[in-house]
Amino acid sequence: MSETKKTTKTTAAGSKFDGFTDDERAAMKEHAQELKKAARRGSAAAKAADAERDVLEKIAEMADEDRVIAERIHAIVKASAPSLAAKLWYGQPAYAKDGKIVCFFQPSQKFKTRYSTLGFNDPANLDDGTMWPTAFALTELTADDEARIGALVKQAAS
């Protein structure tokens, strides 16, 4: 029987680093479960309806401050880019085009940060010159923020 070695690195500060944090490991396990669940689903219509329900259930489980923002983001995405399909991605609400994640909402509680994040991945059509933002910190949403998010999502999905 062979032994599996655990790689432990020492950082510049002298503390040990095991690789991924417990939160990161949990997110990866959640993503693996999402993939298995999606593979077991039937027709494309059933998959889409189930994925939407999964996203809404995940949002409902969030802490109040994250849930309020996530509900608004979900509504904005559905109104601004109805072609994007809601699905879970590493346990987070995400929105995909042709199976590729365009944008996602990361609640502050996910990795115990002080703000939630609205992020955009490579398939998002947000290119603007040689540098553009791909993630936005959110602590609350104003009407101006919602309008800006709607425009970004619409552009990202185009």
Protein backbone atom coordinates (compact mmCIF):
# COMPACT_ATOMS: atom_id res chain seq x y z
CA MET A 1 0.00 0.00 0.00
CA SER A 2 1.41 3.36 -0.90
CA GLU A 3 1.20 6.32 1.41
CA THR A 4 -0.23 9.62 0.29
CA LYS A 5 2.05 12.47 1.22
CA LYS A 6 0.58 15.76 2.31
CA THR A 7 2.50 18.73 0.99
CA THR A 8 3.02 21.44 3.56
CA LYS A 9 4.84 24.61 2.58
CA THR A 10 6.34 27.21 4.84
CA THR A 11 5.50 30.80 4.01
CA ALA A 12 7.92 33.73 4.16
CA ALA A 13 6.54 34.59 7.58
CA GLY A 14 7.43 31.09 8.79
CA SER A 15 3.86 29.82 9.19
CA LYS A 16 2.73 26.54 7.63
CA PHE A 17 0.44 26.54 4.58
CA ASP A 18 -1.56 23.40 3.72
CA GLY A 19 -2.86 24.61 0.36
CA PHE A 20 -6.58 25.27 0.34
CA THR A 21 -8.51 26.71 3.27
CA ASP A 22 -11.43 24.80 4.78
CA ASP A 23 -13.83 27.23 3.05
CA GLU A 24 -12.14 26.65 -0.31
CA ARG A 25 -12.30 22.87 0.15
CA ALA A 26 -15.99 23.12 1.05
CA ALA A 27 -16.67 25.20 -2.09
CA MET A 28 -14.91 22.61 -4.26
CA LYS A 29 -16.94 19.78 -2.69
CA GLU A 30 -20.10 21.80 -3.26
CA HIS A 31 -19.15 22.28 -6.92
CA ALA A 32 -18.57 18.53 -7.35
CA GLN A 33 -22.04 17.86 -5.91
CA GLU A 34 -23.55 20.46 -8.27
CA LEU A 35 -21.96 18.73 -11.26
CA LYS A 36 -23.24 15.30 -10.16
CA LYS A 37 -26.72 16.67 -9.57
CA ALA A 38 -26.79 18.37 -12.99
CA ALA A 39 -25.67 15.17 -14.71
CA ARG A 40 -28.60 13.24 -13.18
CA ARG A 41 -31.25 15.67 -14.39
CA GLY A 42 -33.46 14.86 -17.38
CA SER A 43 -34.47 17.18 -20.21
CA ALA A 44 -32.95 20.60 -20.87
CA ALA A 45 -36.14 22.30 -19.65
CA ALA A 46 -36.13 20.27 -16.43
CA LYS A 47 -32.43 21.04 -15.92
CA ALA A 48 -33.03 24.78 -16.33
CA ALA A 49 -36.03 24.80 -13.97
CA ASP A 50 -34.18 22.74 -11.36
CA ALA A 51 -31.08 24.92 -11.62
CA GLU A 52 -33.17 28.08 -11.17
CA ARG A 53 -34.84 26.53 -8.12
CA ASP A 54 -31.42 25.56 -6.69
CA VAL A 55 -30.23 29.17 -7.06
CA LEU A 56 -33.34 30.54 -5.35
CA GLU A 57 -32.98 28.02 -2.52
CA LYS A 58 -29.31 28.96 -2.06
CA ILE A 59 -30.24 32.65 -1.93
CA ALA A 60 -32.96 31.93 0.65
CA GLU A 61 -30.36 30.23 2.88
CA MET A 62 -28.10 33.31 2.97
CA ALA A 63 -27.72 35.64 5.93
CA ASP A 64 -30.12 38.61 5.71
CA GLU A 65 -27.63 41.20 4.43
CA ASP A 66 -26.35 38.85 1.69
CA ARG A 67 -29.82 37.53 0.84
CA VAL A 68 -31.25 41.01 0.20
CA ILE A 69 -28.45 41.85 -2.23
CA ALA A 70 -28.54 38.41 -3.89
CA GLU A 71 -32.29 38.66 -4.49
CA ARG A 72 -31.85 42.05 -6.17
CA ILE A 73 -28.91 40.82 -8.26
CA HIS A 74 -30.96 37.80 -9.36
CA ALA A 75 -33.88 40.03 -10.39
CA ILE A 76 -31.58 42.46 -12.21
CA VAL A 77 -29.85 39.67 -14.14
CA LYS A 78 -33.16 38.05 -15.12
CA ALA A 79 -34.55 41.41 -16.31
CA SER A 80 -31.38 42.66 -18.04
CA ALA A 81 -30.24 39.42 -19.66
CA PRO A 82 -33.05 36.84 -19.72
CA SER A 83 -30.92 34.64 -22.00
CA LEU A 84 -28.56 33.88 -19.10
CA ALA A 85 -29.32 30.63 -17.29
CA ALA A 86 -29.22 30.64 -13.50
CA LYS A 87 -27.18 27.86 -11.92
CA LEU A 88 -25.07 27.18 -8.86
CA TRP A 89 -21.32 27.52 -9.26
CA TYR A 90 -19.15 26.55 -6.29
CA GLY A 91 -22.23 27.00 -4.12
CA GLN A 92 -22.87 30.53 -5.38
CA PRO A 93 -25.62 31.93 -7.59
CA ALA A 94 -24.24 32.25 -11.11
CA TYR A 95 -25.54 33.00 -14.59
CA ALA A 96 -24.35 31.21 -17.71
CA LYS A 97 -24.47 31.65 -21.47
CA ASP A 98 -24.03 28.51 -23.57
CA GLY A 99 -22.99 26.64 -20.43
CA LYS A 100 -20.21 29.08 -19.52
CA ILE A 101 -20.44 31.23 -16.39
CA VAL A 102 -20.74 34.91 -17.34
CA CYS A 103 -21.31 36.39 -13.88
CA PHE A 104 -21.76 35.26 -10.29
CA PHE A 105 -22.68 36.55 -6.85
CA GLN A 106 -20.41 35.65 -3.95
CA PRO A 107 -21.99 36.37 -0.56
CA SER A 108 -19.77 37.88 2.11
CA GLN A 109 -20.45 34.91 4.39
CA LYS A 110 -19.02 32.44 1.83
CA PHE A 111 -15.42 33.28 2.67
CA LYS A 112 -16.10 35.51 5.70
CA THR A 113 -15.29 38.77 3.93
CA ARG A 114 -16.59 42.24 4.74
CA TYR A 115 -18.46 42.62 1.42
CA SER A 116 -20.30 40.54 -1.15
CA THR A 117 -18.94 40.36 -4.68
CA LEU A 118 -20.48 40.54 -8.13
CA GLY A 119 -17.95 38.96 -10.46
CA PHE A 120 -17.63 38.45 -14.19
CA ASN A 121 -15.73 35.63 -15.90
CA ASP A 122 -13.97 35.47 -19.28
CA PRO A 123 -17.12 34.87 -21.36
CA ALA A 124 -18.47 38.26 -20.18
CA ASN A 125 -18.30 40.75 -23.01
CA LEU A 126 -16.90 43.60 -20.90
CA ASP A 127 -13.59 44.20 -22.68
CA ASP A 128 -12.71 47.89 -22.65
CA GLY A 129 -9.19 48.66 -23.86
CA THR A 130 -6.37 46.84 -22.12
CA MET A 131 -7.80 46.94 -18.58
CA TRP A 132 -11.33 46.62 -17.14
CA PRO A 133 -12.88 45.52 -13.83
CA THR A 134 -14.08 41.94 -13.43
CA ALA A 135 -15.41 42.08 -9.85
CA PHE A 136 -17.29 44.61 -7.76
CA ALA A 137 -17.58 44.80 -3.98
CA LEU A 138 -21.17 45.24 -2.77
CA THR A 139 -22.26 46.35 0.68
CA GLU A 140 -25.73 47.53 -0.33
CA LEU A 141 -27.50 48.48 -3.55
CA THR A 142 -28.74 51.94 -4.49
CA ALA A 143 -30.90 52.71 -7.53
CA ASP A 144 -27.77 53.95 -9.34
CA ASP A 145 -25.92 50.72 -8.47
CA GLU A 146 -28.82 48.64 -9.78
CA ALA A 147 -28.89 50.59 -13.05
CA ARG A 148 -25.12 50.16 -13.47
CA ILE A 149 -25.32 46.43 -12.71
CA GLY A 150 -28.17 46.04 -15.21
CA ALA A 151 -26.12 47.74 -17.92
CA LEU A 152 -23.02 45.65 -17.11
CA VAL A 153 -24.96 42.39 -17.15
CA LYS A 154 -26.67 43.30 -20.42
CA GLN A 155 -23.28 44.11 -21.99
CA ALA A 156 -21.68 40.99 -20.49
CA ALA A 157 -24.36 38.75 -22.02
CA SER A 158 -24.27 40.39 -25.45
